C-alpha atoms as a PDB file:
ATOM      1  CA  MET A   1      81.092  60.084  95.102  1.00  0.00           C
ATOM      2  CA  THR A   2      83.204  59.448  92.019  1.00  0.00           C
ATOM      3  CA  LYS A   3      83.957  62.394  89.950  1.00  0.00           C
ATOM      4  CA  THR A   4      84.463  61.917  86.178  1.00  0.00           C
ATOM      5  CA  VAL A   5      87.415  63.432  84.312  1.00  0.00           C
ATOM      6  CA  ALA A   6      88.008  64.629  80.558  1.00  0.00           C
ATOM      7  CA  ILE A   7      91.209  65.501  79.368  1.00  0.00           C
ATOM      8  CA  ALA A   8      91.879  67.848  76.408  1.00  0.00           C
ATOM      9  CA  GLY A   9      95.087  67.089  74.914  1.00  0.00           C
ATOM     10  CA  LEU A  10      97.547  64.057  75.297  1.00  0.00           C
ATOM     11  CA  GLY A  11     101.100  65.531  75.131  1.00  0.00           C
ATOM     12  CA  ALA A  12     103.649  66.237  78.173  1.00  0.00           C
ATOM     13  CA  ILE A  13     100.889  67.011  80.781  1.00  0.00           C
ATOM     14  CA  GLY A  14      97.610  65.333  79.474  1.00  0.00           C
ATOM     15  CA  LEU A  15      99.100  61.852  78.828  1.00  0.00           C
ATOM     16  CA  PRO A  16     100.787  61.148  82.100  1.00  0.00           C
ATOM     17  CA  LEU A  17      97.728  62.377  83.803  1.00  0.00           C
ATOM     18  CA  ALA A  18      95.520  60.036  81.983  1.00  0.00           C
ATOM     19  CA  ARG A  19      97.821  57.251  82.539  1.00  0.00           C
ATOM     20  CA  ALA A  20      97.758  58.108  86.633  1.00  0.00           C
ATOM     21  CA  ILE A  21      94.091  58.331  86.631  1.00  0.00           C
ATOM     22  CA  ASP A  22      93.437  55.282  84.760  1.00  0.00           C
ATOM     23  CA  ALA A  23      95.842  53.445  87.073  1.00  0.00           C
ATOM     24  CA  GLY A  24      93.575  54.183  89.864  1.00  0.00           C
ATOM     25  CA  ILE A  25      92.861  57.297  91.941  1.00  0.00           C
ATOM     26  CA  ASP A  26      89.874  56.916  94.646  1.00  0.00           C
ATOM     27  CA  GLY A  27      87.399  59.282  93.329  1.00  0.00           C
ATOM     28  CA  LEU A  28      88.282  59.963  90.018  1.00  0.00           C
ATOM     29  CA  ARG A  29      87.266  57.948  86.906  1.00  0.00           C
ATOM     30  CA  LEU A  30      88.643  58.881  83.385  1.00  0.00           C
ATOM     31  CA  VAL A  31      85.772  59.268  81.109  1.00  0.00           C
ATOM     32  CA  ALA A  32      87.013  60.877  77.653  1.00  0.00           C
ATOM     33  CA  VAL A  33      89.997  62.451  76.114  1.00  0.00           C
ATOM     34  CA  ALA A  34      90.595  64.702  73.262  1.00  0.00           C
ATOM     35  CA  ALA A  35      93.448  65.305  70.795  1.00  0.00           C
ATOM     36  CA  GLN A  36      94.232  67.007  67.766  1.00  0.00           C
ATOM     37  CA  ASP A  37      95.586  63.603  66.106  1.00  0.00           C
ATOM     38  CA  ARG A  38      92.676  61.192  67.061  1.00  0.00           C
ATOM     39  CA  THR A  39      94.386  58.152  65.433  1.00  0.00           C
ATOM     40  CA  LYS A  40      97.543  58.801  68.089  1.00  0.00           C
ATOM     41  CA  ALA A  41      95.199  59.366  70.769  1.00  0.00           C
ATOM     42  CA  GLU A  42      93.631  56.171  70.357  1.00  0.00           C
ATOM     43  CA  ALA A  43      96.660  54.258  70.055  1.00  0.00           C
ATOM     44  CA  ASN A  44      98.119  56.092  73.219  1.00  0.00           C
ATOM     45  CA  VAL A  45      95.276  54.858  75.408  1.00  0.00           C
ATOM     46  CA  ILE A  46      94.493  51.473  74.061  1.00  0.00           C
ATOM     47  CA  SER A  47      96.695  49.695  76.679  1.00  0.00           C
ATOM     48  CA  PHE A  48      94.502  51.478  79.424  1.00  0.00           C
ATOM     49  CA  ARG A  49      92.927  49.273  81.811  1.00  0.00           C
ATOM     50  CA  ALA A  50      89.741  51.150  80.845  1.00  0.00           C
ATOM     51  CA  PRO A  51      90.495  52.941  77.616  1.00  0.00           C
ATOM     52  CA  PRO A  52      88.324  56.069  77.315  1.00  0.00           C
ATOM     53  CA  PRO A  53      86.835  57.268  74.055  1.00  0.00           C
ATOM     54  CA  VAL A  54      88.438  59.868  71.965  1.00  0.00           C
ATOM     55  CA  VAL A  55      85.662  62.720  71.692  1.00  0.00           C
ATOM     56  CA  SER A  56      85.382  66.444  70.408  1.00  0.00           C
ATOM     57  CA  LEU A  57      86.551  68.945  72.761  1.00  0.00           C
ATOM     58  CA  ALA A  58      82.888  70.335  72.851  1.00  0.00           C
ATOM     59  CA  ASP A  59      81.946  66.717  74.221  1.00  0.00           C
ATOM     60  CA  LEU A  60      84.522  66.860  77.008  1.00  0.00           C
ATOM     61  CA  ALA A  61      81.984  69.067  78.926  1.00  0.00           C
ATOM     62  CA  GLU A  62      79.856  66.036  79.622  1.00  0.00           C
ATOM     63  CA  ALA A  63      82.543  65.047  82.348  1.00  0.00           C
ATOM     64  CA  ASP A  64      82.383  66.812  85.873  1.00  0.00           C
ATOM     65  CA  ILE A  65      85.899  67.841  85.593  1.00  0.00           C
ATOM     66  CA  VAL A  66      87.531  69.020  82.393  1.00  0.00           C
ATOM     67  CA  VAL A  67      91.136  69.390  82.360  1.00  0.00           C
ATOM     68  CA  GLU A  68      92.702  71.662  79.718  1.00  0.00           C
ATOM     69  CA  ALA A  69      96.065  70.290  78.647  1.00  0.00           C
ATOM     70  CA  ALA A  70      96.111  71.293  74.950  1.00  0.00           C
ATOM     71  CA  PRO A  71      97.643  74.199  72.914  1.00  0.00           C
ATOM     72  CA  ALA A  72      96.780  77.753  74.005  1.00  0.00           C
ATOM     73  CA  ALA A  73      95.208  78.189  70.613  1.00  0.00           C
ATOM     74  CA  VAL A  74      92.283  75.891  71.231  1.00  0.00           C
ATOM     75  CA  PHE A  75      91.676  77.153  74.897  1.00  0.00           C
ATOM     76  CA  GLU A  76      88.407  78.585  74.417  1.00  0.00           C
ATOM     77  CA  ARG A  77      87.137  75.654  72.549  1.00  0.00           C
ATOM     78  CA  VAL A  78      87.658  73.563  75.847  1.00  0.00           C
ATOM     79  CA  ALA A  79      87.051  76.268  78.351  1.00  0.00           C
ATOM     80  CA  LEU A  80      83.611  77.581  77.106  1.00  0.00           C
ATOM     81  CA  PRO A  81      81.646  74.367  76.646  1.00  0.00           C
ATOM     82  CA  ALA A  82      82.822  73.186  80.375  1.00  0.00           C
ATOM     83  CA  ILE A  83      81.825  76.805  81.843  1.00  0.00           C
ATOM     84  CA  GLU A  84      78.394  76.741  79.918  1.00  0.00           C
ATOM     85  CA  ALA A  85      77.784  73.079  81.263  1.00  0.00           C
ATOM     86  CA  GLY A  86      78.597  74.530  84.767  1.00  0.00           C
ATOM     87  CA  ARG A  87      81.535  71.920  85.225  1.00  0.00           C
ATOM     88  CA  ILE A  88      84.697  72.322  87.017  1.00  0.00           C
ATOM     89  CA  LEU A  89      87.502  73.408  84.496  1.00  0.00           C
ATOM     90  CA  VAL A  90      91.108  73.071  85.268  1.00  0.00           C
ATOM     91  CA  PRO A  91      93.355  74.926  82.825  1.00  0.00           C
ATOM     92  CA  SER A  92      96.915  74.049  82.097  1.00  0.00           C
ATOM     93  CA  SER A  93      96.996  77.125  79.708  1.00  0.00           C
ATOM     94  CA  VAL A  94      96.829  79.643  82.282  1.00  0.00           C
ATOM     95  CA  GLY A  95      98.493  82.458  80.192  1.00  0.00           C
ATOM     96  CA  ALA A  96      95.528  81.713  77.760  1.00  0.00           C
ATOM     97  CA  LEU A  97      93.014  82.855  80.463  1.00  0.00           C
ATOM     98  CA  LEU A  98      94.444  86.111  81.328  1.00  0.00           C
ATOM     99  CA  PRO A  99      92.930  87.849  78.077  1.00  0.00           C
ATOM    100  CA  ARG A 100      89.612  85.846  78.665  1.00  0.00           C
ATOM    101  CA  MET A 101      88.611  86.710  82.171  1.00  0.00           C
ATOM    102  CA  HIS A 102      85.042  87.123  80.552  1.00  0.00           C
ATOM    103  CA  LEU A 103      85.297  83.392  80.971  1.00  0.00           C
ATOM    104  CA  ALA A 104      85.264  83.707  84.916  1.00  0.00           C
ATOM    105  CA  ARG A 105      82.443  86.211  84.642  1.00  0.00           C
ATOM    106  CA  ARG A 106      80.450  83.750  82.894  1.00  0.00           C
ATOM    107  CA  ALA A 107      81.111  80.902  85.271  1.00  0.00           C
ATOM    108  CA  GLN A 108      79.739  82.960  88.183  1.00  0.00           C
ATOM    109  CA  ALA A 109      76.410  82.929  86.131  1.00  0.00           C
ATOM    110  CA  THR A 110      76.424  79.062  85.255  1.00  0.00           C
ATOM    111  CA  GLY A 111      78.062  77.741  88.655  1.00  0.00           C
ATOM    112  CA  ALA A 112      80.936  76.312  86.934  1.00  0.00           C
ATOM    113  CA  ARG A 113      84.454  76.765  88.746  1.00  0.00           C
ATOM    114  CA  ILE A 114      87.864  77.520  87.421  1.00  0.00           C
ATOM    115  CA  LEU A 115      90.899  75.909  89.251  1.00  0.00           C
ATOM    116  CA  VAL A 116      94.145  77.040  88.450  1.00  0.00           C
ATOM    117  CA  PRO A 117      96.723  74.543  89.712  1.00  0.00           C
ATOM    118  CA  THR A 118      99.903  75.746  90.880  1.00  0.00           C
ATOM    119  CA  GLY A 119     101.872  74.116  88.020  1.00  0.00           C
ATOM    120  CA  ALA A 120     105.460  74.567  87.914  1.00  0.00           C
ATOM    121  CA  LEU A 121     105.565  77.051  90.723  1.00  0.00           C
ATOM    122  CA  LEU A 122     105.780  77.024  94.295  1.00  0.00           C
ATOM    123  CA  GLY A 123     104.341  79.256  97.213  1.00  0.00           C
ATOM    124  CA  LEU A 124     101.205  80.446  95.599  1.00  0.00           C
ATOM    125  CA  ASP A 125      99.528  79.827  99.100  1.00  0.00           C
ATOM    126  CA  ALA A 126     101.667  82.232 100.476  1.00  0.00           C
ATOM    127  CA  VAL A 127     101.283  84.501  97.751  1.00  0.00           C
ATOM    128  CA  ARG A 128      97.526  84.458  97.790  1.00  0.00           C
ATOM    129  CA  ALA A 129      97.576  85.090 101.637  1.00  0.00           C
ATOM    130  CA  ALA A 130     100.002  88.288 101.353  1.00  0.00           C
ATOM    131  CA  ALA A 131      97.854  89.655  98.690  1.00  0.00           C
ATOM    132  CA  GLU A 132      94.877  89.835 101.114  1.00  0.00           C
ATOM    133  CA  GLY A 133      96.906  92.741 102.472  1.00  0.00           C
ATOM    134  CA  PRO A 134      98.718  95.615 100.861  1.00  0.00           C
ATOM    135  CA  VAL A 135     101.353  94.329  98.309  1.00  0.00           C
ATOM    136  CA  GLU A 136     104.073  96.527  96.966  1.00  0.00           C
ATOM    137  CA  SER A 137     105.207  94.297  94.344  1.00  0.00           C
ATOM    138  CA  ILE A 138     105.455  90.821  92.914  1.00  0.00           C
ATOM    139  CA  SER A 139     107.888  89.778  90.272  1.00  0.00           C
ATOM    140  CA  ILE A 140     109.174  86.374  88.552  1.00  0.00           C
ATOM    141  CA  GLU A 141     112.399  85.737  86.708  1.00  0.00           C
ATOM    142  CA  THR A 142     112.379  82.703  84.496  1.00  0.00           C
ATOM    143  CA  ARG A 143     115.401  80.940  83.270  1.00  0.00           C
ATOM    144  CA  LYS A 144     115.317  78.297  80.618  1.00  0.00           C
ATOM    145  CA  PRO A 145     117.492  76.111  78.175  1.00  0.00           C
ATOM    146  CA  PRO A 146     117.313  78.021  74.979  1.00  0.00           C
ATOM    147  CA  GLY A 147     115.698  75.233  73.131  1.00  0.00           C
ATOM    148  CA  GLY A 148     112.604  75.755  75.468  1.00  0.00           C
ATOM    149  CA  LEU A 149     112.184  79.234  74.389  1.00  0.00           C
ATOM    150  CA  GLU A 150     112.942  78.951  70.482  1.00  0.00           C
ATOM    151  CA  GLY A 151     110.036  79.867  68.452  1.00  0.00           C
ATOM    152  CA  ALA A 152     108.142  81.766  70.926  1.00  0.00           C
ATOM    153  CA  PRO A 153     106.025  84.509  69.149  1.00  0.00           C
ATOM    154  CA  TYR A 154     107.742  87.362  71.058  1.00  0.00           C
ATOM    155  CA  LEU A 155     111.123  86.169  69.803  1.00  0.00           C
ATOM    156  CA  VAL A 156     110.011  85.331  66.449  1.00  0.00           C
ATOM    157  CA  GLN A 157     108.081  89.150  65.875  1.00  0.00           C
ATOM    158  CA  ASN A 158     111.488  90.826  67.106  1.00  0.00           C
ATOM    159  CA  GLY A 159     113.669  88.598  65.225  1.00  0.00           C
ATOM    160  CA  ILE A 160     115.513  87.238  68.098  1.00  0.00           C
ATOM    161  CA  SER A 161     117.288  83.820  67.871  1.00  0.00           C
ATOM    162  CA  VAL A 162     118.293  82.062  71.070  1.00  0.00           C
ATOM    163  CA  MET A 163     119.762  79.046  69.560  1.00  0.00           C
ATOM    164  CA  GLY A 164     123.661  78.729  69.540  1.00  0.00           C
ATOM    165  CA  ILE A 165     124.372  81.429  72.441  1.00  0.00           C
ATOM    166  CA  SER A 166     126.983  80.710  74.677  1.00  0.00           C
ATOM    167  CA  VAL A 167     126.189  83.234  77.514  1.00  0.00           C
ATOM    168  CA  PRO A 168     122.779  83.975  79.147  1.00  0.00           C
ATOM    169  CA  MET A 169     120.466  86.297  77.060  1.00  0.00           C
ATOM    170  CA  HIS A 170     118.010  88.817  78.809  1.00  0.00           C
ATOM    171  CA  VAL A 171     114.960  88.229  76.112  1.00  0.00           C
ATOM    172  CA  PHE A 172     111.951  89.972  77.827  1.00  0.00           C
ATOM    173  CA  SER A 173     110.955  92.215  80.433  1.00  0.00           C
ATOM    174  CA  GLY A 174     107.550  93.293  80.970  1.00  0.00           C
ATOM    175  CA  ASN A 175     104.104  92.501  82.715  1.00  0.00           C
ATOM    176  CA  ALA A 176     102.407  89.308  82.976  1.00  0.00           C
ATOM    177  CA  MET A 177      99.982  90.284  80.466  1.00  0.00           C
ATOM    178  CA  ASP A 178     102.575  90.765  77.714  1.00  0.00           C
ATOM    179  CA  ALA A 179     104.725  87.730  78.677  1.00  0.00           C
ATOM    180  CA  ALA A 180     101.648  85.489  78.222  1.00  0.00           C
ATOM    181  CA  ALA A 181     100.641  86.872  74.599  1.00  0.00           C
ATOM    182  CA  GLY A 182     104.508  86.734  73.734  1.00  0.00           C
ATOM    183  CA  PHE A 183     105.434  83.494  75.250  1.00  0.00           C
ATOM    184  CA  PRO A 184     102.093  81.354  75.699  1.00  0.00           C
ATOM    185  CA  ALA A 185     103.766  78.081  75.977  1.00  0.00           C
ATOM    186  CA  ASN A 186     106.388  79.279  78.479  1.00  0.00           C
ATOM    187  CA  VAL A 187     104.865  81.399  81.097  1.00  0.00           C
ATOM    188  CA  ASN A 188     101.818  79.822  82.258  1.00  0.00           C
ATOM    189  CA  VAL A 189     103.817  80.258  85.677  1.00  0.00           C
ATOM    190  CA  ALA A 190     103.509  83.909  85.457  1.00  0.00           C
ATOM    191  CA  ALA A 191      99.976  84.054  84.776  1.00  0.00           C
ATOM    192  CA  ALA A 192      99.153  81.579  87.720  1.00  0.00           C
ATOM    193  CA  LEU A 193     101.520  83.941  90.019  1.00  0.00           C
ATOM    194  CA  ALA A 194      99.745  86.871  88.555  1.00  0.00           C
ATOM    195  CA  LEU A 195      96.069  85.474  89.181  1.00  0.00           C
ATOM    196  CA  ALA A 196      97.449  84.514  92.819  1.00  0.00           C
ATOM    197  CA  GLY A 197      98.568  87.923  93.652  1.00  0.00           C
ATOM    198  CA  ILE A 198      98.298  91.637  92.207  1.00  0.00           C
ATOM    199  CA  GLY A 199      97.192  90.794  88.948  1.00  0.00           C
ATOM    200  CA  PRO A 200      98.546  90.682  85.491  1.00  0.00           C
ATOM    201  CA  MET A 201      99.445  94.246  84.615  1.00  0.00           C
ATOM    202  CA  ARG A 202     101.303  94.537  88.091  1.00  0.00           C
ATOM    203  CA  THR A 203     103.185  91.317  88.179  1.00  0.00           C
ATOM    204  CA  ARG A 204     106.513  91.830  86.654  1.00  0.00           C
ATOM    205  CA  VAL A 205     108.147  89.334  84.231  1.00  0.00           C
ATOM    206  CA  ASP A 206     111.720  88.630  83.292  1.00  0.00           C
ATOM    207  CA  ILE A 207     112.762  85.984  80.865  1.00  0.00           C
ATOM    208  CA  TRP A 208     116.252  84.515  80.394  1.00  0.00           C
ATOM    209  CA  ALA A 209     117.511  82.246  77.774  1.00  0.00           C
ATOM    210  CA  ASP A 210     120.195  80.501  79.689  1.00  0.00           C
ATOM    211  CA  PRO A 211     122.688  77.900  77.876  1.00  0.00           C
ATOM    212  CA  GLY A 212     124.079  77.059  81.238  1.00  0.00           C
ATOM    213  CA  VAL A 213     120.990  75.756  82.901  1.00  0.00           C
ATOM    214  CA  THR A 214     119.459  72.333  82.191  1.00  0.00           C
ATOM    215  CA  ARG A 215     116.361  73.030  84.218  1.00  0.00           C
ATOM    216  CA  ASN A 216     113.676  75.630  84.148  1.00  0.00           C
ATOM    217  CA  ILE A 217     114.238  77.803  86.940  1.00  0.00           C
ATOM    218  CA  HIS A 218     111.607  80.368  88.373  1.00  0.00           C
ATOM    219  CA  THR A 219     112.386  82.850  91.302  1.00  0.00           C
ATOM    220  CA  ILE A 220     109.680  84.649  92.577  1.00  0.00           C
ATOM    221  CA  ARG A 221     109.997  87.824  94.895  1.00  0.00           C
ATOM    222  CA  VAL A 222     107.312  89.321  96.644  1.00  0.00           C
ATOM    223  CA  GLU A 223     107.394  92.593  99.086  1.00  0.00           C
ATOM    224  CA  ALA A 224     104.271  93.049 101.059  1.00  0.00           C
ATOM    225  CA  ASP A 225     103.127  94.464 104.303  1.00  0.00           C
ATOM    226  CA  ALA A 226     102.804  90.884 105.827  1.00  0.00           C
ATOM    227  CA  ALA A 227     105.900  89.372 104.566  1.00  0.00           C
ATOM    228  CA  ARG A 228     108.916  89.543 102.113  1.00  0.00           C
ATOM    229  CA  PHE A 229     110.062  86.443 100.694  1.00  0.00           C
ATOM    230  CA  THR A 230     111.802  84.856  97.711  1.00  0.00           C
ATOM    231  CA  MET A 231     111.305  81.570  96.438  1.00  0.00           C
ATOM    232  CA  THR A 232     113.254  79.445  93.606  1.00  0.00           C
ATOM    233  CA  ILE A 233     112.339  76.112  92.002  1.00  0.00           C
ATOM    234  CA  GLU A 234     114.181  74.292  89.367  1.00  0.00           C
ATOM    235  CA  ASN A 235     111.934  72.141  87.299  1.00  0.00           C
ATOM    236  CA  VAL A 236     113.123  69.070  85.244  1.00  0.00           C
ATOM    237  CA  PRO A 237     111.730  69.598  81.424  1.00  0.00           C
ATOM    238  CA  THR A 238     109.876  66.777  80.107  1.00  0.00           C
ATOM    239  CA  GLU A 239     111.405  64.743  77.418  1.00  0.00           C
ATOM    240  CA  ALA A 240     108.367  65.165  75.215  1.00  0.00           C
ATOM    241  CA  ASN A 241     108.253  68.766  75.433  1.00  0.00           C
ATOM    242  CA  PRO A 242     111.182  70.842  76.859  1.00  0.00           C
ATOM    243  CA  ARG A 243     108.705  73.970  77.244  1.00  0.00           C
ATOM    244  CA  THR A 244     106.974  72.005  80.143  1.00  0.00           C
ATOM    245  CA  GLY A 245     108.321  70.816  83.336  1.00  0.00           C
ATOM    246  CA  LYS A 246     107.557  67.525  84.897  1.00  0.00           C
ATOM    247  CA  MET A 247     106.103  69.142  87.825  1.00  0.00           C
ATOM    248  CA  THR A 248     103.324  70.247  85.817  1.00  0.00           C
ATOM    249  CA  ALA A 249     101.322  67.108  85.172  1.00  0.00           C
ATOM    250  CA  LEU A 250     101.901  66.208  88.817  1.00  0.00           C
ATOM    251  CA  SER A 251     100.539  69.459  90.105  1.00  0.00           C
ATOM    252  CA  VAL A 252      97.480  68.986  88.017  1.00  0.00           C
ATOM    253  CA  LEU A 253      97.049  65.444  89.466  1.00  0.00           C
ATOM    254  CA  ALA A 254      97.343  66.999  92.852  1.00  0.00           C
ATOM    255  CA  CYS A 255      94.740  69.665  92.200  1.00  0.00           C
ATOM    256  CA  LEU A 256      92.514  66.680  91.053  1.00  0.00           C
ATOM    257  CA  ARG A 257      93.307  64.612  94.301  1.00  0.00           C
ATOM    258  CA  GLY A 258      92.254  67.734  96.084  1.00  0.00           C
ATOM    259  CA  LEU A 259      88.946  67.811  94.774  1.00  0.00           C
ATOM    260  CA  VAL A 260      88.089  64.374  96.066  1.00  0.00           C
ATOM    261  CA  SER A 261      90.202  63.851  99.152  1.00  0.00           C
ATOM    262  CA  THR A 262      88.779  63.926 102.589  1.00  0.00           C
ATOM    263  CA  LEU A 263      91.911  65.397 103.894  1.00  0.00           C
ATOM    264  CA  LYS A 264      93.342  68.406 101.819  1.00  0.00           C
ATOM    265  CA  VAL A 265      96.570  70.230 102.832  1.00  0.00           C
ATOM    266  CA  GLY A 266      96.943  73.852 101.496  1.00  0.00           C
ATOM    267  CA  SER A 267      95.301  74.982  97.991  1.00  0.00           C
END
């Protein structure tokens, strides 16, 4: 049975995702998109094989699956209607979900589901498995080119500028909840890790602005009774938005395929 998909946001994540679904994925059909700039959105989809209508954020909830790929500031305007309608919500702004866990509780009442894709990370299956038993610690270190961090609320509030630096700068150390608030466009990876593992208050996050790297680099370290492991991934930033890696849109696409596939490997 084909599931209908609606996408909030047509930026570095939403637009390639919309194109891929429009090009043809068995079991999925793109039926609506929403974006802040309606005229630009209509121009972006006019060449699609089946151009979807550009609708309001609330109207996206008429689809079976609602993908949130919009600025974190409008997260709840996308998520709440989908949850109230009992839909499947696939959020990209996972950091915006952490302080809004009431949405997960509401989903229990309405029959909705919130499916967090792996995003720019790897190994969340292993983290989830380890978290079924005792876990001593989980941490993530993120290194990004300075341009991918400039303008983050935490840096602005603390008068930190990372542009023009010549050596790596350690700009944040704390838990995943505080990281999500201070870097809403940068640490969805930390939020996903926290949800898969031991929660946002116990998950430690370190963020570096590093002029010596050209990729977004994330290193996860897990100490648990069942296993000890370290994983590193180097994601290529998108041309449209250096804060977002190219893997993110592909991860959401893989998540959607898994919803309709007859053979599914991993989460």
